[in-house]
């Protein structure tokens, strides 16, 4: 594969194209400054304005959320896996029907495999613009987002309405629900009771891996973060490894399915038979299936990278105590 062909499979941080109206809370005060990015796959955006950088199916989606300080993403749930790692800033994640069942603060490099089937939200509690990278299970990302009822009601007061098909209509643009199309129904009390309310103690030990813990685990080999025999022993339809400058990098590697490389710190050089490319934090690279490649930091100093590879497992598991 030529360098140009490979470059077409790299999304540079500086080339990311945001959507500011991706979801129903795009006009709601406190959430109206967030930016949504769909990097690989179709994502879960409810807006036709969302730009997709790489549409090649991988068995999972890669996205990102960028938010200024004090901006939050409203309470929602997914039917498949949702994994975040912090690229920039300091973030508070919270969950439960009203967002008060539990919470945790994540720093740069930390990763959170959010349990499927619970309402979750997050906010940038740092002092600068922050970015979190997302891995979503399945090629269709589980059929969209399930919003807490109060999010849909608040959005209506600010001009946005979601159809029962999950399409967003903006009255500020002169849009309205087409004739014969019903709005997204609110979840009933009976349906809401099916959403678990795990505590912080339930979630943090089993679904979160701290950056510095992974650095220690990756001293001699890539640290398996998510997957079989991993630190976070889930099977969400993909595996996640963590590599550092101390991870052996001279061996050639290949995968039977596409893999995705996402640096957290430092610069990484990817080499294959016909060329090479250098990745920086915030860049995303899709490695084609069957391609033999080597991966190593391109300079001295601290370096860390997350690698995601799809598996044949289901795209997500429901939370179980």
Protein backbone atom coordinates (compact mmCIF):
# COMPACT_ATOMS: atom_id res chain seq x y z
CA UNK A 1 0.00 0.00 0.00
CA UNK A 2 1.45 3.37 -1.05
CA UNK A 3 2.06 6.20 1.43
CA UNK A 4 -0.76 8.21 -0.16
CA UNK A 5 -3.22 5.32 0.17
CA UNK A 6 -2.28 5.01 3.82
CA UNK A 7 -2.51 8.77 4.34
CA UNK A 8 -6.12 8.51 3.17
CA UNK A 9 -6.69 6.22 6.15
CA UNK A 10 -5.27 8.76 8.63
CA UNK A 11 -7.40 11.51 10.15
CA UNK A 12 -5.15 14.24 11.49
CA UNK A 13 -6.23 16.13 14.60
CA UNK A 14 -6.01 19.44 12.76
CA UNK A 15 -8.28 18.13 9.98
CA UNK A 16 -11.15 17.02 12.22
CA UNK A 17 -14.47 18.50 11.13
CA UNK A 18 -16.91 19.08 14.01
CA UNK A 19 -20.67 19.08 14.04
CA UNK A 20 -22.23 21.49 16.55
CA UNK A 21 -25.79 20.26 16.04
CA UNK A 22 -25.21 16.51 16.27
CA UNK A 23 -27.69 15.76 19.07
CA UNK A 24 -30.96 16.88 20.57
CA UNK A 25 -29.32 18.96 23.32
CA UNK A 26 -27.37 21.12 20.84
CA UNK A 27 -29.32 24.27 21.82
CA UNK A 28 -29.81 23.48 25.51
CA UNK A 29 -27.84 25.92 27.72
CA UNK A 30 -24.84 24.15 29.22
CA UNK A 31 -24.59 21.76 26.27
CA UNK A 32 -24.81 24.19 23.36
CA UNK A 33 -21.05 24.62 22.83
CA UNK A 34 -20.06 20.99 22.40
CA UNK A 35 -18.56 19.63 19.19
CA UNK A 36 -19.08 16.09 17.95
CA UNK A 37 -16.70 14.27 15.60
CA UNK A 38 -17.34 11.08 13.62
CA UNK A 39 -13.93 9.76 12.63
CA UNK A 40 -14.52 6.15 11.56
CA UNK A 41 -17.94 4.64 10.79
CA UNK A 42 -21.38 6.22 10.74
CA UNK A 43 -21.41 7.19 14.41
CA UNK A 44 -24.62 7.98 16.29
CA UNK A 45 -25.26 11.57 15.25
CA UNK A 46 -28.91 12.59 14.82
CA UNK A 47 -28.00 15.37 12.39
CA UNK A 48 -27.43 15.14 8.60
CA UNK A 49 -24.73 17.81 9.07
CA UNK A 50 -22.34 15.33 10.71
CA UNK A 51 -19.20 14.77 8.62
CA UNK A 52 -17.83 11.21 8.43
CA UNK A 53 -14.07 11.09 7.85
CA UNK A 54 -13.60 7.36 7.10
CA UNK A 55 -16.65 5.25 6.26
CA UNK A 56 -14.87 1.87 5.96
CA UNK A 57 -16.60 -0.68 8.25
CA UNK A 58 -14.39 -1.79 11.15
CA UNK A 59 -16.88 -3.59 13.37
CA UNK A 60 -16.84 -0.54 15.66
CA UNK A 61 -16.98 3.26 15.39
CA UNK A 62 -14.43 5.88 16.39
CA UNK A 63 -15.61 9.34 17.38
CA UNK A 64 -14.72 12.21 19.67
CA UNK A 65 -16.28 14.98 21.72
CA UNK A 66 -14.71 18.40 22.14
CA UNK A 67 -16.05 20.77 24.79
CA UNK A 68 -15.01 24.04 26.44
CA UNK A 69 -14.93 24.26 30.25
CA UNK A 70 -18.26 23.68 32.06
CA UNK A 71 -19.89 22.27 28.91
CA UNK A 72 -21.67 18.94 29.39
CA UNK A 73 -23.13 16.09 27.36
CA UNK A 74 -26.65 15.26 28.51
CA UNK A 75 -27.82 11.98 30.04
CA UNK A 76 -28.26 9.21 27.47
CA UNK A 77 -27.84 5.48 27.05
CA UNK A 78 -26.56 3.14 24.33
CA UNK A 79 -27.49 -0.41 23.39
CA UNK A 80 -23.86 -1.21 22.61
CA UNK A 81 -20.48 -0.47 24.11
CA UNK A 82 -19.22 3.08 24.62
CA UNK A 83 -15.57 3.50 25.63
CA UNK A 84 -13.89 6.87 26.19
CA UNK A 85 -10.30 7.87 26.82
CA UNK A 86 -9.26 11.40 27.71
CA UNK A 87 -7.04 13.03 25.11
CA UNK A 88 -7.06 16.54 26.57
CA UNK A 89 -8.29 18.02 29.80
CA UNK A 90 -10.06 16.85 32.92
CA UNK A 91 -13.52 15.30 32.73
CA UNK A 92 -16.29 14.29 35.10
CA UNK A 93 -18.46 11.33 34.09
CA UNK A 94 -21.75 10.78 35.87
CA UNK A 95 -24.57 8.25 35.50
CA UNK A 96 -28.03 7.18 36.57
CA UNK A 97 -31.59 8.31 35.76
CA UNK A 98 -30.86 11.80 37.11
CA UNK A 99 -27.06 11.63 36.88
CA UNK A 100 -26.59 11.18 40.62
CA UNK A 101 -26.14 7.40 40.99
CA UNK A 102 -22.34 7.69 40.67
CA UNK A 103 -19.52 9.74 39.21
CA UNK A 104 -15.80 9.69 38.52
CA UNK A 105 -13.16 12.20 37.38
CA UNK A 106 -10.78 11.14 34.61
CA UNK A 107 -7.43 12.69 33.71
CA UNK A 108 -5.49 12.59 30.42
CA UNK A 109 -4.92 9.03 29.23
CA UNK A 110 -7.48 7.41 31.54
CA UNK A 111 -10.00 5.08 29.84
CA UNK A 112 -13.62 4.28 30.79
CA UNK A 113 -15.60 1.34 29.41
CA UNK A 114 -19.03 2.68 30.35
CA UNK A 115 -21.46 -0.13 31.22
CA UNK A 116 -24.09 -0.68 28.57
CA UNK A 117 -27.69 0.12 29.44
CA UNK A 118 -27.21 2.90 31.99
CA UNK A 119 -27.83 6.61 31.54
CA UNK A 120 -24.54 8.50 31.38
CA UNK A 121 -23.28 12.01 30.78
CA UNK A 122 -19.98 13.88 31.00
CA UNK A 123 -18.62 17.38 31.34
CA UNK A 124 -15.32 19.18 30.91
CA UNK A 125 -14.26 20.33 34.37
CA UNK A 126 -10.84 21.55 33.23
CA UNK A 127 -9.76 25.09 32.46
CA UNK A 128 -9.24 24.73 28.68
CA UNK A 129 -10.95 23.15 25.69
CA UNK A 130 -10.95 19.38 26.25
CA UNK A 131 -11.24 16.34 24.00
CA UNK A 132 -12.29 12.76 24.67
CA UNK A 133 -11.98 9.97 22.10
CA UNK A 134 -14.76 7.39 21.80
CA UNK A 135 -14.99 3.77 20.67
CA UNK A 136 -18.56 2.60 19.97
CA UNK A 137 -19.51 -1.03 19.49
CA UNK A 138 -20.86 -2.28 16.17
CA UNK A 139 -20.84 -0.81 12.69
CA UNK A 140 -24.24 0.81 13.25
CA UNK A 141 -23.35 1.93 16.81
CA UNK A 142 -26.36 0.15 18.23
CA UNK A 143 -29.11 2.03 16.44
CA UNK A 144 -28.69 5.43 18.02
CA UNK A 145 -29.04 7.11 21.38
CA UNK A 146 -31.68 6.67 24.11
CA UNK A 147 -32.23 9.98 25.89
CA UNK A 148 -33.40 10.53 29.44
CA UNK A 149 -36.92 12.05 29.23
CA UNK A 150 -35.90 15.40 30.71
CA UNK A 151 -33.32 15.88 27.92
CA UNK A 152 -36.00 15.58 25.22
CA UNK A 153 -38.33 17.92 27.11
CA UNK A 154 -35.61 20.54 27.65
CA UNK A 155 -34.60 20.38 23.98
CA UNK A 156 -38.15 21.10 22.84
CA UNK A 157 -38.07 24.34 24.83
CA UNK A 158 -35.01 25.38 22.80
CA UNK A 159 -36.22 24.54 19.32
CA UNK A 160 -35.08 20.96 18.73
CA UNK A 161 -37.35 17.94 18.34
CA UNK A 162 -36.43 14.32 17.63
CA UNK A 163 -38.62 12.14 15.43
CA UNK A 164 -39.51 8.57 16.33
CA UNK A 165 -36.99 7.52 13.64
CA UNK A 166 -34.22 9.37 15.49
CA UNK A 167 -33.93 12.30 13.04
CA UNK A 168 -33.43 15.79 14.45
CA UNK A 169 -35.51 18.80 13.37
CA UNK A 170 -34.49 22.38 14.21
CA UNK A 171 -37.17 25.07 14.40
CA UNK A 172 -34.42 27.71 14.31
CA UNK A 173 -33.83 26.57 10.72
CA UNK A 174 -37.54 26.61 9.92
CA UNK A 175 -37.84 22.82 10.25
CA UNK A 176 -40.72 20.89 11.78
CA UNK A 177 -41.81 17.28 12.00
CA UNK A 178 -43.17 16.12 8.61
CA UNK A 179 -46.85 15.28 8.40
CA UNK A 180 -47.50 11.81 9.71
CA UNK A 181 -44.21 11.61 11.59
CA UNK A 182 -44.47 11.35 15.39
CA UNK A 183 -41.96 12.71 17.88
CA UNK A 184 -39.69 10.37 19.79
CA UNK A 185 -41.82 9.04 22.66
CA UNK A 186 -40.62 9.59 26.20
CA UNK A 187 -39.66 6.50 28.14
CA UNK A 188 -42.38 5.38 30.51
CA UNK A 189 -41.86 4.90 34.25
CA UNK A 190 -41.92 1.14 33.69
CA UNK A 191 -39.24 1.40 31.00
CA UNK A 192 -37.11 3.68 33.15
CA UNK A 193 -37.08 1.12 35.96
CA UNK A 194 -35.17 -1.24 33.64
CA UNK A 195 -32.16 1.12 33.59
CA UNK A 196 -29.75 0.14 36.39
CA UNK A 197 -28.40 2.62 38.95
CA UNK A 198 -24.89 1.32 39.80
CA UNK A 199 -22.90 3.20 42.40
CA UNK A 200 -19.41 4.63 42.01
CA UNK A 201 -18.07 1.63 43.94
CA UNK A 202 -19.86 -0.72 41.52
CA UNK A 203 -18.35 0.88 38.43
CA UNK A 204 -14.89 2.32 39.06
CA UNK A 205 -12.94 -0.88 39.93
CA UNK A 206 -14.27 -2.86 36.97
CA UNK A 207 -14.76 -0.37 34.14
CA UNK A 208 -11.98 2.23 34.50
CA UNK A 209 -8.25 1.94 33.86
CA UNK A 210 -5.93 4.75 34.93
CA UNK A 211 -3.20 5.94 32.60
CA UNK A 212 -0.32 5.42 35.02
CA UNK A 213 -1.51 1.92 35.93
CA UNK A 214 -1.45 1.03 32.24
CA UNK A 215 2.02 2.53 31.83
CA UNK A 216 3.25 0.13 34.51
CA UNK A 217 1.48 -2.85 32.90
CA UNK A 218 2.93 -2.06 29.46
CA UNK A 219 6.53 -2.11 30.68
CA UNK A 220 7.32 -5.42 28.96
CA UNK A 221 4.47 -6.02 26.52
CA UNK A 222 1.35 -4.22 25.27
CA UNK A 223 -1.13 -3.97 28.12
CA UNK A 224 -4.46 -5.58 27.27
CA UNK A 225 -7.03 -3.03 28.43
CA UNK A 226 -10.34 -4.44 27.18
CA UNK A 227 -11.03 -8.00 26.02
CA UNK A 228 -10.15 -11.57 26.93
CA UNK A 229 -7.77 -11.73 29.93
CA UNK A 230 -7.64 -7.92 29.97
CA UNK A 231 -7.59 -5.45 32.84
CA UNK A 232 -11.21 -4.59 32.04
CA UNK A 233 -12.59 -8.04 31.27
CA UNK A 234 -15.43 -7.20 28.93
CA UNK A 235 -16.20 -8.41 25.40
CA UNK A 236 -17.80 -5.38 23.73
CA UNK A 237 -17.05 -6.39 20.13
CA UNK A 238 -13.48 -5.10 20.13
CA UNK A 239 -10.20 -5.37 22.01
CA UNK A 240 -8.11 -2.43 23.21
CA UNK A 241 -4.35 -2.57 23.85
CA UNK A 242 -2.12 0.10 25.39
CA UNK A 243 1.46 0.62 24.19
CA UNK A 244 4.24 2.85 25.53
CA UNK A 245 7.81 3.70 24.59
CA UNK A 246 8.90 0.71 26.71
CA UNK A 247 6.75 -1.79 24.82
CA UNK A 248 8.85 -4.02 22.49
CA UNK A 249 8.31 -2.66 18.99
CA UNK A 250 10.65 -4.56 16.69
CA UNK A 251 8.19 -7.36 15.84
CA UNK A 252 6.05 -7.12 12.73
CA UNK A 253 2.32 -7.14 13.39
CA UNK A 254 -0.80 -7.85 11.34
CA UNK A 255 -4.51 -8.31 11.96
CA UNK A 256 -7.21 -10.22 10.12
CA UNK A 257 -9.52 -7.22 10.51
CA UNK A 258 -8.84 -3.47 10.35
CA UNK A 259 -7.11 -1.99 13.41
CA UNK A 260 -7.15 1.60 14.67
CA UNK A 261 -4.17 3.41 16.22
CA UNK A 262 -4.75 6.47 18.44
CA UNK A 263 -1.74 8.12 20.13
CA UNK A 264 -2.26 9.67 23.56
CA UNK A 265 1.22 11.07 24.11
CA UNK A 266 4.36 11.42 22.01
CA UNK A 267 4.84 10.76 18.30
CA UNK A 268 4.63 7.28 16.80
CA UNK A 269 6.10 5.96 13.55
CA UNK A 270 4.16 3.30 11.66
CA UNK A 271 6.25 1.43 9.08
CA UNK A 272 5.09 -1.04 6.41
CA UNK A 273 6.66 -2.53 3.27
CA UNK A 274 5.98 0.46 1.01
CA UNK A 275 6.33 3.39 3.35
CA UNK A 276 5.86 4.95 6.76
CA UNK A 277 3.78 7.57 8.55
CA UNK A 278 4.15 9.50 11.79
CA UNK A 279 1.21 9.97 14.16
CA UNK A 280 0.74 12.62 16.84
CA UNK A 281 -1.74 12.76 19.75
CA UNK A 282 -5.24 13.27 18.41
CA UNK A 283 -4.47 11.57 15.07
CA UNK A 284 -6.40 8.41 14.15
CA UNK A 285 -5.05 5.77 11.76
CA UNK A 286 -6.92 2.84 10.25
CA UNK A 287 -4.56 -0.05 9.48
CA UNK A 288 -5.94 -2.32 6.71
CA UNK A 289 -6.58 -5.96 7.46
CA UNK A 290 -3.68 -8.23 6.51
CA UNK A 291 -1.11 -5.41 6.33
CA UNK A 292 2.16 -6.22 8.09
CA UNK A 293 3.46 -3.21 10.02
CA UNK A 294 5.81 -2.14 12.80
CA UNK A 295 5.01 0.45 15.42
CA UNK A 296 7.45 2.47 17.54
CA UNK A 297 7.85 5.95 19.08
CA UNK A 298 9.53 8.28 16.59
CA UNK A 299 11.52 10.14 19.24
CA UNK A 300 12.69 9.79 22.82
CA UNK A 301 10.50 10.65 25.77
CA UNK A 302 7.12 9.58 27.07
CA UNK A 303 4.87 7.98 24.46
CA UNK A 304 1.57 6.13 24.74
CA UNK A 305 -0.95 4.80 22.24
CA UNK A 306 -4.28 2.95 22.26
CA UNK A 307 -4.88 0.28 19.62
CA UNK A 308 -8.37 -1.09 18.88
CA UNK A 309 -9.11 -4.29 16.93
CA UNK A 310 -12.58 -5.71 16.27
CA UNK A 311 -13.65 -9.16 17.49
CA UNK A 312 -16.49 -11.53 16.75
CA UNK A 313 -18.11 -10.86 20.13
CA UNK A 314 -21.44 -9.02 20.42
CA UNK A 315 -21.17 -5.25 20.20
CA UNK A 316 -21.96 -4.76 23.86
CA UNK A 317 -23.13 -6.37 27.09
CA UNK A 318 -25.82 -5.12 29.45
CA UNK A 319 -24.68 -3.99 32.89
CA UNK A 320 -24.75 -6.77 35.44
CA UNK A 321 -23.96 -6.22 39.14
